[in-house]
Amino acid sequence: MANDRAAQICAGLATLWLVVMVTVDVMTARPHFVALFALAPLIACAALPTRITAVFAGVAIFLSAGSGWWNHSWASGQQIVRIADVILVSAAATVVAVVRVRREQQFARVAAIAEVAQRAILPTLPTRFGSVAIGARYLSAAQDAVVGGDLYDWYHSATRLRFLVGDVRGKGIAAVGQAARVIRAFRQAAPAQASLPAVGHEMSAYLAPFFDDEEFVTGLLVDASDATRLTLVSCGHPPALLIRRDGHASLLEAPPGLPLGLGDTYDGVTVPWGPGDRLLMYTDGLSEARDSDGRFLPLLTLAPLLRAETVDDALDALLDAVHEHVPSGQLADDLAVVLLENLGVDHRRATDVPDPVQERVWASG
């Protein structure tokens, strides 16, 4: 959308410039401004395709040559030099357009591959497991931004139900690869450790050798195994948003812990969890979303939206609010959100659970 708008502006400016220059040239009856015709293809090459830039170049050369005819200066040496200037600059503008388009296409291919890789590592969460309704969304940032390492995952057994939302520091393919490693660490630790702080400790110990001095991942671990309470462990991650059945909302500040890969000891916090209560886990693409004046999105004001009829409806309303808040509806950072609801009735089975074969593929990747 932004690229289309830029192309329209460049096409309009280049056309207007040619019209202005023809008008000036005819009214003054002097060929002194002929070389300025070359500015039209220079404007065009900034955002227009190569073919259209070449059209503007051809028109500029034609009009510069025509100027010599209607100003009766065709045979003069100065006019020939001016036309040569227009030809050379127009040719350079066309070459610039060729290089720019090729680089844009290359970037688009790399970004598409990176985004596919990032989405491939994210599991498909069930719509419900036991007494918990589950919803998840992932949004890429603005069209020209590089993908990052936002992630989420879940683990379940006969007695445990655990969730992870995380954000790897950095962008691009490297961050996507680290996100896959974080998910693998979670799937190794979640079934093996009895307590949630122990899960954080094992994940951090596993990840530390893979990170350099500037790499880490923030994460929020949630245990919803008990239908009456939640346990949360923060690994340098933004706090979860708890929305009670009566609409009261609060940010759950868990004991602060270092990001995964940097920390060693983690502590948890346990809060009551009753039927109708909802918990929003998110990455900083939500908490750091800013409007055109630089103001952050106030999370507590989102509580009414998160009380929609279903968790999917609530997430749709949440994302609509985010798009309305940020300039031109374009996110500055990737965004991952997971919304849980205590349904109060435990069927102890998952609905729309991912295929177990695919799960094994993800776990071994």
Protein backbone atom coordinates (compact mmCIF):
# COMPACT_ATOMS: atom_id res chain seq x y z
CA MET A 1 0.00 0.00 0.00
CA ALA A 2 2.75 2.46 0.94
CA ASN A 3 4.75 1.54 -2.18
CA ASP A 4 1.70 2.08 -4.39
CA ARG A 5 1.16 5.48 -2.83
CA ALA A 6 4.80 6.46 -3.37
CA ALA A 7 4.60 5.35 -7.00
CA GLN A 8 1.49 7.45 -7.57
CA ILE A 9 3.14 10.49 -6.04
CA CYS A 10 6.29 10.08 -8.14
CA ALA A 11 4.28 9.60 -11.33
CA GLY A 12 2.26 12.72 -10.57
CA LEU A 13 5.33 14.81 -9.75
CA ALA A 14 7.24 13.66 -12.83
CA THR A 15 4.27 14.43 -15.08
CA LEU A 16 3.72 17.81 -13.47
CA TRP A 17 7.40 18.67 -13.88
CA LEU A 18 7.30 17.93 -17.60
CA VAL A 19 4.18 20.07 -18.00
CA VAL A 20 5.76 22.93 -16.08
CA MET A 21 8.99 22.73 -18.08
CA VAL A 22 7.19 22.68 -21.43
CA THR A 23 5.14 25.70 -20.33
CA VAL A 24 8.22 27.61 -19.20
CA ASP A 25 10.14 26.69 -22.36
CA VAL A 26 7.34 27.77 -24.68
CA MET A 27 6.55 31.01 -22.84
CA THR A 28 10.17 32.16 -22.57
CA ALA A 29 11.10 30.98 -26.08
CA ARG A 30 14.59 30.29 -24.76
CA PRO A 31 16.28 26.90 -24.57
CA HIS A 32 18.18 27.61 -21.36
CA PHE A 33 16.03 25.28 -19.26
CA VAL A 34 16.16 22.26 -21.56
CA ALA A 35 18.51 20.25 -19.32
CA LEU A 36 15.93 20.39 -16.53
CA PHE A 37 13.66 18.02 -18.50
CA ALA A 38 15.92 15.25 -17.15
CA LEU A 39 14.56 15.76 -13.62
CA ALA A 40 11.35 13.93 -14.63
CA PRO A 41 12.96 10.47 -15.05
CA LEU A 42 15.06 11.15 -11.92
CA ILE A 43 11.84 11.64 -9.97
CA ALA A 44 10.30 8.56 -11.58
CA CYS A 45 13.20 6.23 -10.77
CA ALA A 46 12.67 6.75 -7.02
CA ALA A 47 9.55 4.57 -6.90
CA LEU A 48 8.26 3.66 -10.37
CA PRO A 49 9.00 0.43 -12.29
CA THR A 50 11.81 0.39 -14.82
CA ARG A 51 9.50 0.43 -17.83
CA ILE A 52 7.59 3.50 -16.67
CA THR A 53 10.83 5.27 -15.75
CA ALA A 54 12.07 4.54 -19.28
CA VAL A 55 8.87 6.07 -20.68
CA PHE A 56 9.48 9.28 -18.72
CA ALA A 57 13.09 9.22 -19.94
CA GLY A 58 11.94 8.91 -23.55
CA VAL A 59 9.40 11.72 -23.15
CA ALA A 60 12.03 13.97 -21.56
CA ILE A 61 14.46 13.33 -24.45
CA PHE A 62 11.71 13.91 -27.03
CA LEU A 63 10.65 17.19 -25.41
CA SER A 64 14.24 18.42 -25.08
CA ALA A 65 14.74 17.73 -28.78
CA GLY A 66 11.44 19.41 -29.60
CA SER A 67 12.53 22.47 -27.66
CA GLY A 68 15.27 23.04 -30.21
CA TRP A 69 12.67 22.95 -32.95
CA TRP A 70 10.17 25.43 -31.50
CA ASN A 71 12.95 27.69 -30.20
CA HIS A 72 14.81 27.54 -33.53
CA SER A 73 18.04 26.50 -31.81
CA TRP A 74 18.32 22.93 -33.06
CA ALA A 75 21.61 23.41 -34.88
CA SER A 76 23.39 25.26 -32.09
CA GLY A 77 26.20 23.55 -30.23
CA GLN A 78 24.73 24.51 -26.86
CA GLN A 79 21.40 22.86 -27.72
CA ILE A 80 23.14 19.63 -28.71
CA VAL A 81 25.00 19.64 -25.37
CA ARG A 82 21.74 20.21 -23.50
CA ILE A 83 20.04 17.33 -25.27
CA ALA A 84 23.04 15.11 -24.58
CA ASP A 85 22.76 16.00 -20.88
CA VAL A 86 19.11 14.97 -20.89
CA ILE A 87 19.95 11.69 -22.63
CA LEU A 88 22.73 10.83 -20.18
CA VAL A 89 20.75 11.71 -17.07
CA SER A 90 17.68 9.86 -18.37
CA ALA A 91 19.79 6.78 -19.08
CA ALA A 92 21.26 6.97 -15.56
CA ALA A 93 17.78 7.26 -14.04
CA THR A 94 16.66 4.16 -15.93
CA VAL A 95 19.67 2.23 -14.66
CA VAL A 96 18.90 3.37 -11.10
CA ALA A 97 15.33 2.09 -11.53
CA VAL A 98 16.63 -1.29 -12.73
CA VAL A 99 18.94 -1.65 -9.71
CA ARG A 100 16.26 -0.47 -7.27
CA VAL A 101 13.61 -2.86 -8.61
CA ARG A 102 16.00 -5.83 -8.46
CA ARG A 103 16.92 -5.06 -4.87
CA GLU A 104 13.27 -4.66 -3.91
CA GLN A 105 12.45 -8.01 -5.48
CA GLN A 106 15.36 -9.67 -3.70
CA PHE A 107 14.32 -8.18 -0.37
CA ALA A 108 10.72 -9.28 -0.93
CA ARG A 109 11.84 -12.86 -1.61
CA VAL A 110 14.03 -12.96 1.50
CA ALA A 111 11.31 -11.42 3.66
CA ALA A 112 8.73 -13.88 2.33
CA ILE A 113 11.00 -16.85 3.06
CA ALA A 114 11.71 -15.52 6.56
CA GLU A 115 8.02 -15.02 7.30
CA VAL A 116 7.13 -18.51 6.07
CA ALA A 117 9.90 -19.93 8.25
CA GLN A 118 8.63 -17.98 11.24
CA ARG A 119 5.05 -19.12 10.79
CA ALA A 120 6.21 -22.71 10.26
CA ILE A 121 7.70 -22.90 13.73
CA LEU A 122 4.56 -21.60 15.43
CA PRO A 123 2.25 -24.43 16.52
CA THR A 124 -1.48 -24.49 15.92
CA LEU A 125 -3.01 -24.07 19.36
CA PRO A 126 -6.26 -25.90 20.10
CA THR A 127 -9.42 -23.86 20.53
CA ARG A 128 -9.98 -25.60 23.85
CA PHE A 129 -8.28 -27.98 26.24
CA GLY A 130 -9.98 -29.15 29.41
CA SER A 131 -11.58 -26.14 31.08
CA VAL A 132 -9.51 -23.60 29.12
CA ALA A 133 -10.53 -21.89 25.89
CA ILE A 134 -7.52 -20.83 23.83
CA GLY A 135 -6.98 -18.24 21.11
CA ALA A 136 -3.78 -17.07 19.45
CA ARG A 137 -2.78 -14.56 16.79
CA TYR A 138 0.46 -13.57 15.12
CA LEU A 139 0.89 -10.43 13.03
CA SER A 140 3.88 -9.35 11.01
CA ALA A 141 5.00 -5.76 11.30
CA ALA A 142 4.83 -3.15 8.54
CA GLN A 143 5.29 -4.45 5.01
CA ASP A 144 8.88 -3.23 4.73
CA ALA A 145 9.99 -4.48 8.16
CA VAL A 146 12.11 -7.57 8.66
CA VAL A 147 10.42 -10.41 10.52
CA GLY A 148 11.42 -11.05 14.10
CA GLY A 149 11.42 -13.80 16.68
CA ASP A 150 8.00 -13.57 18.35
CA LEU A 151 6.69 -16.98 19.39
CA TYR A 152 4.17 -18.94 21.41
CA ASP A 153 3.72 -22.59 22.32
CA TRP A 154 1.83 -24.91 24.65
CA TYR A 155 2.29 -28.23 26.40
CA HIS A 156 -0.33 -30.58 27.79
CA SER A 157 -0.51 -33.93 29.52
CA ALA A 158 -3.05 -35.70 31.69
CA THR A 159 -2.17 -33.42 34.61
CA ARG A 160 -0.45 -30.35 33.15
CA LEU A 161 -1.32 -27.47 30.88
CA ARG A 162 1.42 -24.92 30.24
CA PHE A 163 1.90 -22.01 27.86
CA LEU A 164 4.78 -19.89 26.61
CA VAL A 165 4.90 -16.52 24.88
CA GLY A 166 8.33 -15.17 23.99
CA ASP A 167 10.24 -12.62 21.99
CA VAL A 168 13.76 -13.23 20.70
CA ARG A 169 15.98 -10.17 20.53
CA GLY A 170 16.82 -9.32 16.95
CA LYS A 171 15.30 -9.61 13.49
CA GLY A 172 15.48 -11.74 10.40
CA ILE A 173 16.28 -15.38 9.75
CA ALA A 174 18.66 -15.59 12.73
CA ALA A 175 15.88 -14.56 15.12
CA VAL A 176 13.49 -17.06 13.54
CA GLY A 177 16.05 -19.82 14.05
CA GLN A 178 16.50 -18.83 17.69
CA ALA A 179 12.72 -18.79 18.16
CA ALA A 180 12.60 -22.41 16.96
CA ARG A 181 15.30 -23.24 19.49
CA VAL A 182 13.30 -21.59 22.30
CA ILE A 183 10.24 -23.65 21.41
CA ARG A 184 12.37 -26.79 21.45
CA ALA A 185 13.73 -25.84 24.90
CA PHE A 186 10.19 -25.35 26.19
CA ARG A 187 9.04 -28.71 24.86
CA GLN A 188 11.96 -30.39 26.56
CA ALA A 189 11.52 -28.64 29.91
CA ALA A 190 7.72 -28.39 30.25
CA PRO A 191 7.06 -32.14 30.60
CA ALA A 192 10.21 -32.84 32.63
CA GLN A 193 9.99 -30.24 35.40
CA ALA A 194 7.49 -30.33 38.22
CA SER A 195 7.44 -26.57 38.84
CA LEU A 196 7.17 -23.67 36.43
CA PRO A 197 10.25 -21.84 37.82
CA ALA A 198 12.22 -25.03 37.15
CA VAL A 199 11.00 -24.94 33.54
CA GLY A 200 12.40 -21.41 33.21
CA HIS A 201 15.71 -22.47 34.75
CA GLU A 202 16.13 -25.46 32.43
CA MET A 203 15.18 -23.44 29.36
CA SER A 204 17.66 -20.70 30.21
CA ALA A 205 20.46 -23.21 30.85
CA TYR A 206 19.74 -24.96 27.56
CA LEU A 207 19.65 -21.73 25.53
CA ALA A 208 22.66 -19.95 27.04
CA PRO A 209 25.32 -21.76 24.95
CA PHE A 210 23.49 -20.87 21.73
CA PHE A 211 23.34 -17.11 22.43
CA ASP A 212 26.16 -14.62 22.02
CA ASP A 213 26.72 -11.70 24.38
CA GLU A 214 23.94 -9.63 22.80
CA GLU A 215 21.34 -12.35 22.32
CA PHE A 216 18.55 -13.33 24.67
CA VAL A 217 14.82 -13.99 24.68
CA THR A 218 12.15 -12.64 26.98
CA GLY A 219 9.43 -15.09 27.91
CA LEU A 220 6.30 -15.50 29.97
CA LEU A 221 5.44 -18.99 31.26
CA VAL A 222 1.93 -19.79 32.45
CA ASP A 223 0.67 -22.94 34.14
CA ALA A 224 -3.11 -23.41 33.89
CA SER A 225 -3.18 -27.02 35.12
CA ASP A 226 -5.32 -26.11 38.14
CA ALA A 227 -8.82 -24.93 37.27
CA THR A 228 -8.82 -22.57 40.28
CA ARG A 229 -5.46 -20.83 39.96
CA LEU A 230 -2.75 -19.72 37.56
CA THR A 231 1.01 -19.74 38.04
CA LEU A 232 3.13 -17.29 36.09
CA VAL A 233 6.90 -16.94 35.67
CA SER A 234 8.35 -13.86 34.00
CA CYS A 235 11.66 -14.07 32.18
CA GLY A 236 12.11 -10.38 31.50
CA HIS A 237 8.77 -10.26 29.66
CA PRO A 238 5.86 -7.76 29.77
CA PRO A 239 3.25 -8.69 32.42
CA ALA A 240 0.13 -10.63 31.49
CA LEU A 241 -3.23 -8.89 31.54
CA LEU A 242 -5.88 -10.57 33.71
CA ILE A 243 -9.53 -9.72 33.05
CA ARG A 244 -11.93 -10.96 35.69
CA ARG A 245 -15.43 -12.15 34.90
CA ASP A 246 -16.83 -8.90 36.31
CA GLY A 247 -14.63 -6.87 33.89
CA HIS A 248 -11.99 -5.78 36.39
CA ALA A 249 -8.56 -5.82 34.74
CA SER A 250 -5.05 -5.79 36.15
CA LEU A 251 -1.49 -6.40 35.00
CA LEU A 252 0.04 -9.38 36.80
CA GLU A 253 3.53 -8.43 37.90
CA ALA A 254 5.39 -11.68 38.45
CA PRO A 255 8.72 -11.64 40.34
CA PRO A 256 11.23 -10.12 37.91
CA GLY A 257 13.56 -12.56 36.22
CA LEU A 258 16.31 -12.17 33.67
CA PRO A 259 15.59 -13.09 30.04
CA LEU A 260 16.13 -16.69 29.02
CA GLY A 261 19.75 -17.35 28.20
CA LEU A 262 20.87 -14.85 30.84
CA GLY A 263 19.08 -15.91 34.01
CA ASP A 264 19.54 -18.80 36.40
CA THR A 265 16.88 -18.61 39.12
CA TYR A 266 13.23 -17.80 38.50
CA ASP A 267 10.30 -17.30 40.87
CA GLY A 268 6.61 -17.64 40.16
CA VAL A 269 3.43 -15.95 41.30
CA THR A 270 0.10 -17.72 41.80
CA VAL A 271 -3.23 -15.93 41.37
CA PRO A 272 -6.87 -17.08 41.67
CA TRP A 273 -8.38 -18.24 38.39
CA GLY A 274 -12.14 -18.61 38.28
CA PRO A 275 -14.77 -19.41 35.64
CA GLY A 276 -15.12 -16.56 33.17
CA ASP A 277 -11.69 -15.09 33.91
CA ARG A 278 -9.42 -14.38 30.94
CA LEU A 279 -5.65 -13.98 30.66
CA LEU A 280 -3.88 -12.16 27.81
CA MET A 281 -0.24 -13.03 27.07
CA TYR A 282 1.50 -10.82 24.51
CA THR A 283 4.80 -9.60 23.10
CA ASP A 284 6.02 -6.00 23.16
CA GLY A 285 4.55 -5.41 19.72
CA LEU A 286 1.35 -4.77 21.70
CA SER A 287 2.66 -2.98 24.79
CA GLU A 288 4.96 -0.73 22.76
CA ALA A 289 2.53 0.12 19.97
CA ARG A 290 2.55 3.91 19.57
CA ASP A 291 0.26 6.39 17.87
CA SER A 292 1.43 9.27 15.67
CA ASP A 293 2.18 11.34 18.79
CA GLY A 294 4.37 8.61 20.29
CA ARG A 295 1.84 7.56 22.95
CA PHE A 296 1.74 3.91 23.95
CA LEU A 297 -1.41 1.86 23.63
CA PRO A 298 -3.01 1.80 27.14
CA LEU A 299 -3.45 -1.91 27.80
CA LEU A 300 -5.97 -1.66 30.64
CA THR A 301 -8.40 0.17 28.37
CA LEU A 302 -8.49 -2.94 26.17
CA ALA A 303 -10.26 -4.95 28.88
CA PRO A 304 -13.81 -4.36 27.53
CA LEU A 305 -12.71 -5.59 24.11
CA LEU A 306 -11.26 -8.74 25.67
CA ARG A 307 -14.63 -9.56 27.24
CA ALA A 308 -16.16 -10.31 23.80
CA GLU A 309 -18.34 -13.41 23.46
CA THR A 310 -15.53 -15.78 22.47
CA VAL A 311 -11.76 -15.57 22.76
CA ASP A 312 -11.49 -15.42 18.96
CA ASP A 313 -13.93 -12.50 18.84
CA ALA A 314 -11.94 -10.81 21.59
CA LEU A 315 -8.64 -11.20 19.73
CA ASP A 316 -10.17 -9.86 16.53
CA ALA A 317 -11.40 -6.79 18.43
CA LEU A 318 -7.98 -6.39 20.06
CA LEU A 319 -6.11 -6.43 16.75
CA ASP A 320 -8.59 -3.97 15.25
CA ALA A 321 -7.86 -1.62 18.16
CA VAL A 322 -4.11 -1.97 17.63
CA HIS A 323 -4.41 -1.16 13.91
CA GLU A 324 -6.50 1.90 14.73
CA HIS A 325 -3.94 3.10 17.29
CA VAL A 326 -0.77 2.91 15.19
CA PRO A 327 -0.13 5.34 12.31
CA SER A 328 -1.64 4.15 9.02
CA GLY A 329 -2.47 0.83 10.71
CA GLN A 330 1.13 -0.38 10.29
CA LEU A 331 2.82 -2.12 13.21
CA ALA A 332 6.38 -1.14 14.06
CA ASP A 333 7.13 -4.57 15.52
CA ASP A 334 5.80 -8.09 15.17
CA LEU A 335 3.00 -9.06 17.51
CA ALA A 336 2.05 -12.39 19.09
CA VAL A 337 -0.88 -12.73 21.51
CA VAL A 338 -2.45 -15.69 23.34
CA LEU A 339 -5.77 -15.35 25.16
CA LEU A 340 -6.95 -17.94 27.69
CA GLU A 341 -10.37 -18.26 29.33
CA ASN A 342 -11.43 -20.40 32.28
CA LEU A 343 -14.62 -22.08 31.10
CA GLY A 344 -15.26 -23.78 34.42
CA VAL A 345 -16.10 -27.14 32.81
CA ASP A 346 -13.26 -29.60 32.28
CA HIS A 347 -13.75 -31.98 29.37
CA ARG A 348 -10.06 -32.95 29.62
CA ARG A 349 -9.56 -33.13 25.90
CA ALA A 350 -8.24 -30.80 23.26
CA THR A 351 -10.33 -29.44 20.42
CA ASP A 352 -8.56 -28.90 17.12
CA VAL A 353 -5.29 -30.23 18.52
CA PRO A 354 -2.40 -30.22 16.00
CA ASP A 355 -1.62 -33.46 14.23
CA PRO A 356 0.75 -35.50 16.46
CA VAL A 357 3.01 -36.33 13.52
CA GLN A 358 3.41 -32.62 12.78
CA GLU A 359 4.05 -32.04 16.46
CA ARG A 360 6.94 -34.49 16.37
CA VAL A 361 8.35 -32.70 13.34
CA TRP A 362 8.24 -29.36 15.18
CA ALA A 363 9.71 -30.87 18.34
CA SER A 364 12.67 -32.35 16.51
CA GLY A 365 13.38 -29.30 14.32
